[in-house]
């Protein structure tokens, strides 16, 4: 599903990711851990192909960082959902309108937008608050709207960048349980977090640790040597 083949990503300030190889299978739940600046967010951007490697190759759901043209990126983006720490919802809009907008821009038929948005909000436990402006929702509820929006294209992979970083303990538990349930339905999840207590709570998940741009730990304990076959 996701493969890094000796991937390096350099910026003017230096290498954010250096010679990383990894392989994440369909339906896996992976915590990506490491200190601030270790390369977690860059790794997610590389999976999303919003950043391209300086060296090496990233493969995601049949797409390659080498062969995929900017014109074809929208096809990949339909298969990869994104959730952020700061929600990034449309201000002044309702939960329904936020999810509906995502459906609209990804080409859903107009008649299908409202019923599908309602189903997505029901899936994340917000059916009764679909018409509330997002400013009237709690932090945990806003993150649930963001997750519903990320699911709009029925992606194969959900990327979550510190999705509980701005939430209290109760909201964190609710959001994590939701993401865990989504993963149980077969969607691969890669979640960047610095919260080791959270990682310990979901002990059956795979854990990868980055340190100064290098992959230094993989809890799978499986030989995942990367080959150059598709």
C-alpha atoms as a PDB file:
ATOM      1  CA  UNK A   1       0.000   0.000   0.000  1.00  0.00           C
ATOM      2  CA  UNK A   2       2.780   2.435   1.007  1.00  0.00           C
ATOM      3  CA  UNK A   3       6.436   1.922   0.157  1.00  0.00           C
ATOM      4  CA  UNK A   4       9.487   4.123   0.615  1.00  0.00           C
ATOM      5  CA  UNK A   5      12.565   3.042  -1.321  1.00  0.00           C
ATOM      6  CA  UNK A   6      15.676   4.734   0.101  1.00  0.00           C
ATOM      7  CA  UNK A   7      13.865   8.059   0.361  1.00  0.00           C
ATOM      8  CA  UNK A   8      15.650  11.299   1.169  1.00  0.00           C
ATOM      9  CA  UNK A   9      13.990  14.707   1.352  1.00  0.00           C
ATOM     10  CA  UNK A  10      16.257  17.727   1.599  1.00  0.00           C
ATOM     11  CA  UNK A  11      15.407  21.357   2.243  1.00  0.00           C
ATOM     12  CA  UNK A  12      17.701  24.391   2.354  1.00  0.00           C
ATOM     13  CA  UNK A  13      18.129  23.767   6.087  1.00  0.00           C
ATOM     14  CA  UNK A  14      19.198  20.136   5.568  1.00  0.00           C
ATOM     15  CA  UNK A  15      17.703  16.661   5.219  1.00  0.00           C
ATOM     16  CA  UNK A  16      14.281  16.192   6.852  1.00  0.00           C
ATOM     17  CA  UNK A  17      14.194  12.520   5.819  1.00  0.00           C
ATOM     18  CA  UNK A  18      17.359  10.570   5.066  1.00  0.00           C
ATOM     19  CA  UNK A  19      17.615   7.188   3.349  1.00  0.00           C
ATOM     20  CA  UNK A  20      14.319   5.829   4.710  1.00  0.00           C
ATOM     21  CA  UNK A  21      12.906   2.534   3.454  1.00  0.00           C
ATOM     22  CA  UNK A  22       9.605   1.209   4.765  1.00  0.00           C
ATOM     23  CA  UNK A  23       6.641  -0.870   3.705  1.00  0.00           C
ATOM     24  CA  UNK A  24       3.109  -0.432   5.095  1.00  0.00           C
ATOM     25  CA  UNK A  25       0.461  -2.938   4.102  1.00  0.00           C
ATOM     26  CA  UNK A  26      -3.235  -2.622   3.384  1.00  0.00           C
ATOM     27  CA  UNK A  27      -5.293  -2.061   6.532  1.00  0.00           C
ATOM     28  CA  UNK A  28      -2.342  -1.504   8.907  1.00  0.00           C
ATOM     29  CA  UNK A  29      -2.465   0.997  11.748  1.00  0.00           C
ATOM     30  CA  UNK A  30       0.903   2.709  12.172  1.00  0.00           C
ATOM     31  CA  UNK A  31       1.928   5.243  14.782  1.00  0.00           C
ATOM     32  CA  UNK A  32       4.734   7.457  13.487  1.00  0.00           C
ATOM     33  CA  UNK A  33       6.614   8.750  16.517  1.00  0.00           C
ATOM     34  CA  UNK A  34       9.628  10.920  17.240  1.00  0.00           C
ATOM     35  CA  UNK A  35      10.596  14.271  18.702  1.00  0.00           C
ATOM     36  CA  UNK A  36       9.599  17.546  17.065  1.00  0.00           C
ATOM     37  CA  UNK A  37      11.668  17.945  13.925  1.00  0.00           C
ATOM     38  CA  UNK A  38      12.297  14.227  13.525  1.00  0.00           C
ATOM     39  CA  UNK A  39      10.580  14.087  10.129  1.00  0.00           C
ATOM     40  CA  UNK A  40       7.052  12.880  10.945  1.00  0.00           C
ATOM     41  CA  UNK A  41       5.159  15.588   9.068  1.00  0.00           C
ATOM     42  CA  UNK A  42       7.530  15.394   6.112  1.00  0.00           C
ATOM     43  CA  UNK A  43       6.888  11.652   5.919  1.00  0.00           C
ATOM     44  CA  UNK A  44       3.136  12.252   5.734  1.00  0.00           C
ATOM     45  CA  UNK A  45       3.626  14.904   3.044  1.00  0.00           C
ATOM     46  CA  UNK A  46       5.701  12.456   1.032  1.00  0.00           C
ATOM     47  CA  UNK A  47       2.959   9.813   1.289  1.00  0.00           C
ATOM     48  CA  UNK A  48       0.439  12.405   0.120  1.00  0.00           C
ATOM     49  CA  UNK A  49       2.881  13.486  -2.633  1.00  0.00           C
ATOM     50  CA  UNK A  50       2.428  17.093  -1.617  1.00  0.00           C
ATOM     51  CA  UNK A  51       6.215  16.824  -1.337  1.00  0.00           C
ATOM     52  CA  UNK A  52       8.433  14.796  -3.674  1.00  0.00           C
ATOM     53  CA  UNK A  53      11.623  13.029  -2.572  1.00  0.00           C
ATOM     54  CA  UNK A  54      14.978  14.556  -3.349  1.00  0.00           C
ATOM     55  CA  UNK A  55      16.203  11.010  -3.846  1.00  0.00           C
ATOM     56  CA  UNK A  56      14.575   7.587  -3.847  1.00  0.00           C
ATOM     57  CA  UNK A  57      10.956   6.701  -4.602  1.00  0.00           C
ATOM     58  CA  UNK A  58       7.612   6.751  -2.785  1.00  0.00           C
ATOM     59  CA  UNK A  59       4.844   4.393  -3.910  1.00  0.00           C
ATOM     60  CA  UNK A  60       1.298   4.786  -2.636  1.00  0.00           C
ATOM     61  CA  UNK A  61      -1.727   2.766  -3.770  1.00  0.00           C
ATOM     62  CA  UNK A  62      -0.241   2.146  -7.197  1.00  0.00           C
ATOM     63  CA  UNK A  63       1.120   5.683  -7.679  1.00  0.00           C
ATOM     64  CA  UNK A  64       4.834   6.526  -7.855  1.00  0.00           C
ATOM     65  CA  UNK A  65       6.580   9.761  -6.897  1.00  0.00           C
ATOM     66  CA  UNK A  66       8.730   9.286 -10.001  1.00  0.00           C
ATOM     67  CA  UNK A  67       6.015   8.550 -12.565  1.00  0.00           C
ATOM     68  CA  UNK A  68       2.946  10.434 -11.269  1.00  0.00           C
ATOM     69  CA  UNK A  69       2.528  13.775 -13.029  1.00  0.00           C
ATOM     70  CA  UNK A  70       1.014  16.857 -11.365  1.00  0.00           C
ATOM     71  CA  UNK A  71      -1.991  16.400 -13.641  1.00  0.00           C
ATOM     72  CA  UNK A  72      -2.651  12.948 -12.170  1.00  0.00           C
ATOM     73  CA  UNK A  73      -2.214  13.884  -8.516  1.00  0.00           C
ATOM     74  CA  UNK A  74      -5.972  14.274  -8.011  1.00  0.00           C
ATOM     75  CA  UNK A  75      -6.348  10.536  -8.607  1.00  0.00           C
ATOM     76  CA  UNK A  76      -3.974   9.799  -5.722  1.00  0.00           C
ATOM     77  CA  UNK A  77      -5.637  12.386  -3.476  1.00  0.00           C
ATOM     78  CA  UNK A  78      -8.930  10.508  -3.796  1.00  0.00           C
ATOM     79  CA  UNK A  79      -7.220   7.503  -2.217  1.00  0.00           C
ATOM     80  CA  UNK A  80      -5.469   9.350   0.617  1.00  0.00           C
ATOM     81  CA  UNK A  81      -7.426  11.254   3.302  1.00  0.00           C
ATOM     82  CA  UNK A  82      -5.782  13.883   5.518  1.00  0.00           C
ATOM     83  CA  UNK A  83      -6.552  14.986   9.090  1.00  0.00           C
ATOM     84  CA  UNK A  84      -4.627  17.794  10.798  1.00  0.00           C
ATOM     85  CA  UNK A  85      -4.051  18.908  14.376  1.00  0.00           C
ATOM     86  CA  UNK A  86      -5.684  22.296  13.739  1.00  0.00           C
ATOM     87  CA  UNK A  87      -8.795  20.875  11.980  1.00  0.00           C
ATOM     88  CA  UNK A  88      -8.622  23.295   8.992  1.00  0.00           C
ATOM     89  CA  UNK A  89     -12.388  23.568   8.678  1.00  0.00           C
ATOM     90  CA  UNK A  90     -14.184  26.286   6.738  1.00  0.00           C
ATOM     91  CA  UNK A  91     -15.090  29.031   9.253  1.00  0.00           C
ATOM     92  CA  UNK A  92     -18.658  30.247   9.402  1.00  0.00           C
ATOM     93  CA  UNK A  93     -19.927  27.011   7.850  1.00  0.00           C
ATOM     94  CA  UNK A  94     -21.851  24.169   9.419  1.00  0.00           C
ATOM     95  CA  UNK A  95     -20.537  20.681   9.874  1.00  0.00           C
ATOM     96  CA  UNK A  96     -22.743  19.618   6.961  1.00  0.00           C
ATOM     97  CA  UNK A  97     -21.409  22.395   4.732  1.00  0.00           C
ATOM     98  CA  UNK A  98     -17.803  21.503   5.522  1.00  0.00           C
ATOM     99  CA  UNK A  99     -18.279  17.878   4.557  1.00  0.00           C
ATOM    100  CA  UNK A 100     -20.515  18.812   1.631  1.00  0.00           C
ATOM    101  CA  UNK A 101     -17.856  21.134   0.233  1.00  0.00           C
ATOM    102  CA  UNK A 102     -15.326  18.283   0.210  1.00  0.00           C
ATOM    103  CA  UNK A 103     -17.826  16.129  -1.674  1.00  0.00           C
ATOM    104  CA  UNK A 104     -18.538  18.937  -4.127  1.00  0.00           C
ATOM    105  CA  UNK A 105     -14.907  19.618  -5.032  1.00  0.00           C
ATOM    106  CA  UNK A 106     -14.216  15.916  -5.509  1.00  0.00           C
ATOM    107  CA  UNK A 107     -17.004  15.593  -8.045  1.00  0.00           C
ATOM    108  CA  UNK A 108     -19.941  14.034  -6.210  1.00  0.00           C
ATOM    109  CA  UNK A 109     -23.278  14.506  -8.029  1.00  0.00           C
ATOM    110  CA  UNK A 110     -25.160  17.467  -6.500  1.00  0.00           C
ATOM    111  CA  UNK A 111     -28.142  15.340  -5.480  1.00  0.00           C
ATOM    112  CA  UNK A 112     -25.864  12.915  -3.634  1.00  0.00           C
ATOM    113  CA  UNK A 113     -23.969  15.489  -1.571  1.00  0.00           C
ATOM    114  CA  UNK A 114     -26.428  16.099   1.263  1.00  0.00           C
ATOM    115  CA  UNK A 115     -27.344  12.445   1.930  1.00  0.00           C
ATOM    116  CA  UNK A 116     -23.714  11.349   1.728  1.00  0.00           C
ATOM    117  CA  UNK A 117     -22.545  14.157   4.022  1.00  0.00           C
ATOM    118  CA  UNK A 118     -25.240  13.154   6.509  1.00  0.00           C
ATOM    119  CA  UNK A 119     -24.093   9.522   6.374  1.00  0.00           C
ATOM    120  CA  UNK A 120     -20.485  10.545   6.986  1.00  0.00           C
ATOM    121  CA  UNK A 121     -21.450  12.732   9.931  1.00  0.00           C
ATOM    122  CA  UNK A 122     -23.526   9.870  11.316  1.00  0.00           C
ATOM    123  CA  UNK A 123     -20.496   7.608  10.979  1.00  0.00           C
ATOM    124  CA  UNK A 124     -18.447   9.942  13.177  1.00  0.00           C
ATOM    125  CA  UNK A 125     -21.274  10.415  15.694  1.00  0.00           C
ATOM    126  CA  UNK A 126     -22.400  13.915  14.724  1.00  0.00           C
ATOM    127  CA  UNK A 127     -25.738  13.347  13.007  1.00  0.00           C
ATOM    128  CA  UNK A 128     -27.547  15.520  15.536  1.00  0.00           C
ATOM    129  CA  UNK A 129     -25.097  18.424  15.126  1.00  0.00           C
ATOM    130  CA  UNK A 130     -24.810  18.501  11.355  1.00  0.00           C
ATOM    131  CA  UNK A 131     -26.413  21.974  11.068  1.00  0.00           C
ATOM    132  CA  UNK A 132     -24.313  23.640  13.747  1.00  0.00           C
ATOM    133  CA  UNK A 133     -21.605  26.102  12.726  1.00  0.00           C
ATOM    134  CA  UNK A 134     -18.226  24.540  13.445  1.00  0.00           C
ATOM    135  CA  UNK A 135     -17.413  27.384  15.849  1.00  0.00           C
ATOM    136  CA  UNK A 136     -20.151  26.046  18.140  1.00  0.00           C
ATOM    137  CA  UNK A 137     -18.633  22.577  18.281  1.00  0.00           C
ATOM    138  CA  UNK A 138     -16.090  21.337  20.817  1.00  0.00           C
ATOM    139  CA  UNK A 139     -12.548  20.533  19.758  1.00  0.00           C
ATOM    140  CA  UNK A 140     -13.287  16.826  19.647  1.00  0.00           C
ATOM    141  CA  UNK A 141     -16.401  17.426  17.563  1.00  0.00           C
ATOM    142  CA  UNK A 142     -14.490  19.626  15.133  1.00  0.00           C
ATOM    143  CA  UNK A 143     -11.936  16.879  14.685  1.00  0.00           C
ATOM    144  CA  UNK A 144     -14.769  14.434  13.976  1.00  0.00           C
ATOM    145  CA  UNK A 145     -16.011  16.789  11.253  1.00  0.00           C
ATOM    146  CA  UNK A 146     -12.466  16.860   9.842  1.00  0.00           C
ATOM    147  CA  UNK A 147     -12.390  13.056   9.841  1.00  0.00           C
ATOM    148  CA  UNK A 148     -15.775  12.892   8.097  1.00  0.00           C
ATOM    149  CA  UNK A 149     -14.439  15.288   5.475  1.00  0.00           C
ATOM    150  CA  UNK A 150     -11.316  13.151   5.008  1.00  0.00           C
ATOM    151  CA  UNK A 151     -13.527  10.114   4.404  1.00  0.00           C
ATOM    152  CA  UNK A 152     -15.513  11.870   1.676  1.00  0.00           C
ATOM    153  CA  UNK A 153     -13.633  10.172  -1.171  1.00  0.00           C
ATOM    154  CA  UNK A 154     -13.665   6.747   0.520  1.00  0.00           C
ATOM    155  CA  UNK A 155      -9.861   6.648   0.679  1.00  0.00           C
ATOM    156  CA  UNK A 156      -7.665   3.595   1.079  1.00  0.00           C
ATOM    157  CA  UNK A 157      -5.297   5.434   3.441  1.00  0.00           C
ATOM    158  CA  UNK A 158      -5.965   7.942   6.235  1.00  0.00           C
ATOM    159  CA  UNK A 159      -3.062  10.191   7.232  1.00  0.00           C
ATOM    160  CA  UNK A 160      -3.400  11.936  10.586  1.00  0.00           C
ATOM    161  CA  UNK A 161      -0.891  14.571  11.701  1.00  0.00           C
ATOM    162  CA  UNK A 162      -1.101  14.943  15.506  1.00  0.00           C
ATOM    163  CA  UNK A 163      -4.938  14.753  15.328  1.00  0.00           C
ATOM    164  CA  UNK A 164      -5.313  14.787  19.125  1.00  0.00           C
ATOM    165  CA  UNK A 165      -2.695  17.446  19.819  1.00  0.00           C
ATOM    166  CA  UNK A 166      -5.262  20.159  20.621  1.00  0.00           C
ATOM    167  CA  UNK A 167      -7.735  17.947  22.498  1.00  0.00           C
ATOM    168  CA  UNK A 168      -8.319  17.145  26.141  1.00  0.00           C
ATOM    169  CA  UNK A 169      -8.118  13.573  27.412  1.00  0.00           C
ATOM    170  CA  UNK A 170     -11.785  12.754  26.941  1.00  0.00           C
ATOM    171  CA  UNK A 171     -11.916  14.139  23.395  1.00  0.00           C
ATOM    172  CA  UNK A 172      -8.647  12.394  22.573  1.00  0.00           C
ATOM    173  CA  UNK A 173     -10.122   9.071  23.614  1.00  0.00           C
ATOM    174  CA  UNK A 174     -13.218   9.612  21.489  1.00  0.00           C
ATOM    175  CA  UNK A 175     -11.290  10.636  18.382  1.00  0.00           C
ATOM    176  CA  UNK A 176      -8.826   7.782  18.760  1.00  0.00           C
ATOM    177  CA  UNK A 177     -11.587   5.232  19.208  1.00  0.00           C
ATOM    178  CA  UNK A 178     -13.186   6.559  16.016  1.00  0.00           C
ATOM    179  CA  UNK A 179      -9.957   6.321  14.021  1.00  0.00           C
ATOM    180  CA  UNK A 180      -9.418   2.819  15.415  1.00  0.00           C
ATOM    181  CA  UNK A 181     -12.896   1.805  14.248  1.00  0.00           C
ATOM    182  CA  UNK A 182     -12.227   3.228  10.779  1.00  0.00           C
ATOM    183  CA  UNK A 183      -9.035   1.201  10.585  1.00  0.00           C
ATOM    184  CA  UNK A 184     -10.961  -1.928  11.611  1.00  0.00           C
ATOM    185  CA  UNK A 185     -13.076  -1.484   8.473  1.00  0.00           C
ATOM    186  CA  UNK A 186      -9.950  -2.038   6.375  1.00  0.00           C
ATOM    187  CA  UNK A 187      -8.512   1.446   5.878  1.00  0.00           C
ATOM    188  CA  UNK A 188      -4.781   1.865   6.448  1.00  0.00           C
ATOM    189  CA  UNK A 189      -3.968   4.573   9.003  1.00  0.00           C
ATOM    190  CA  UNK A 190      -0.657   6.377   9.465  1.00  0.00           C
ATOM    191  CA  UNK A 191      -0.800   8.681  12.463  1.00  0.00           C
ATOM    192  CA  UNK A 192       2.006  11.002  13.526  1.00  0.00           C
ATOM    193  CA  UNK A 193       2.081  11.637  17.262  1.00  0.00           C
ATOM    194  CA  UNK A 194       4.474  12.531  20.059  1.00  0.00           C
ATOM    195  CA  UNK A 195       2.035  11.214  22.694  1.00  0.00           C
ATOM    196  CA  UNK A 196       3.673   7.989  23.886  1.00  0.00           C
ATOM    197  CA  UNK A 197       0.907   7.353  26.409  1.00  0.00           C
ATOM    198  CA  UNK A 198      -1.509   7.227  23.492  1.00  0.00           C
ATOM    199  CA  UNK A 199       0.767   4.791  21.669  1.00  0.00           C
ATOM    200  CA  UNK A 200       0.905   2.531  24.727  1.00  0.00           C
ATOM    201  CA  UNK A 201      -2.893   2.577  25.020  1.00  0.00           C
ATOM    202  CA  UNK A 202      -3.229   1.102  21.518  1.00  0.00           C
ATOM    203  CA  UNK A 203      -0.520  -1.481  21.978  1.00  0.00           C
ATOM    204  CA  UNK A 204      -1.489  -3.687  19.038  1.00  0.00           C
ATOM    205  CA  UNK A 205      -0.690  -0.927  16.524  1.00  0.00           C
ATOM    206  CA  UNK A 206       2.603  -0.899  14.685  1.00  0.00           C
ATOM    207  CA  UNK A 207       5.058   1.784  15.808  1.00  0.00           C
ATOM    208  CA  UNK A 208       7.738   3.449  13.694  1.00  0.00           C
ATOM    209  CA  UNK A 209      10.114   5.942  15.278  1.00  0.00           C
ATOM    210  CA  UNK A 210      12.016   8.643  13.427  1.00  0.00           C
ATOM    211  CA  UNK A 211      15.077  10.391  14.796  1.00  0.00           C
ATOM    212  CA  UNK A 212      16.700  13.243  12.873  1.00  0.00           C
ATOM    213  CA  UNK A 213      15.116  12.025   9.663  1.00  0.00           C
ATOM    214  CA  UNK A 214      16.098   8.380   9.985  1.00  0.00           C
ATOM    215  CA  UNK A 215      13.881   5.413  10.736  1.00  0.00           C
ATOM    216  CA  UNK A 216      15.414   4.022  13.927  1.00  0.00           C
ATOM    217  CA  UNK A 217      12.702   1.643  15.165  1.00  0.00           C
ATOM    218  CA  UNK A 218       9.927  -0.504  13.740  1.00  0.00           C
ATOM    219  CA  UNK A 219       7.899  -2.560  16.195  1.00  0.00           C
ATOM    220  CA  UNK A 220       6.768  -5.042  13.551  1.00  0.00           C
ATOM    221  CA  UNK A 221       9.907  -7.103  14.053  1.00  0.00           C
ATOM    222  CA  UNK A 222       9.381  -8.426  10.536  1.00  0.00           C
ATOM    223  CA  UNK A 223      11.915  -8.350   7.764  1.00  0.00           C
ATOM    224  CA  UNK A 224      10.392  -5.740   5.483  1.00  0.00           C
ATOM    225  CA  UNK A 225      13.292  -5.366   3.098  1.00  0.00           C
ATOM    226  CA  UNK A 226      12.174  -3.240   0.167  1.00  0.00           C
ATOM    227  CA  UNK A 227      12.528  -4.597  -3.339  1.00  0.00           C
ATOM    228  CA  UNK A 228      12.139  -2.824  -6.643  1.00  0.00           C
ATOM    229  CA  UNK A 229       9.195  -4.908  -7.803  1.00  0.00           C
ATOM    230  CA  UNK A 230       5.676  -3.491  -7.997  1.00  0.00           C
END
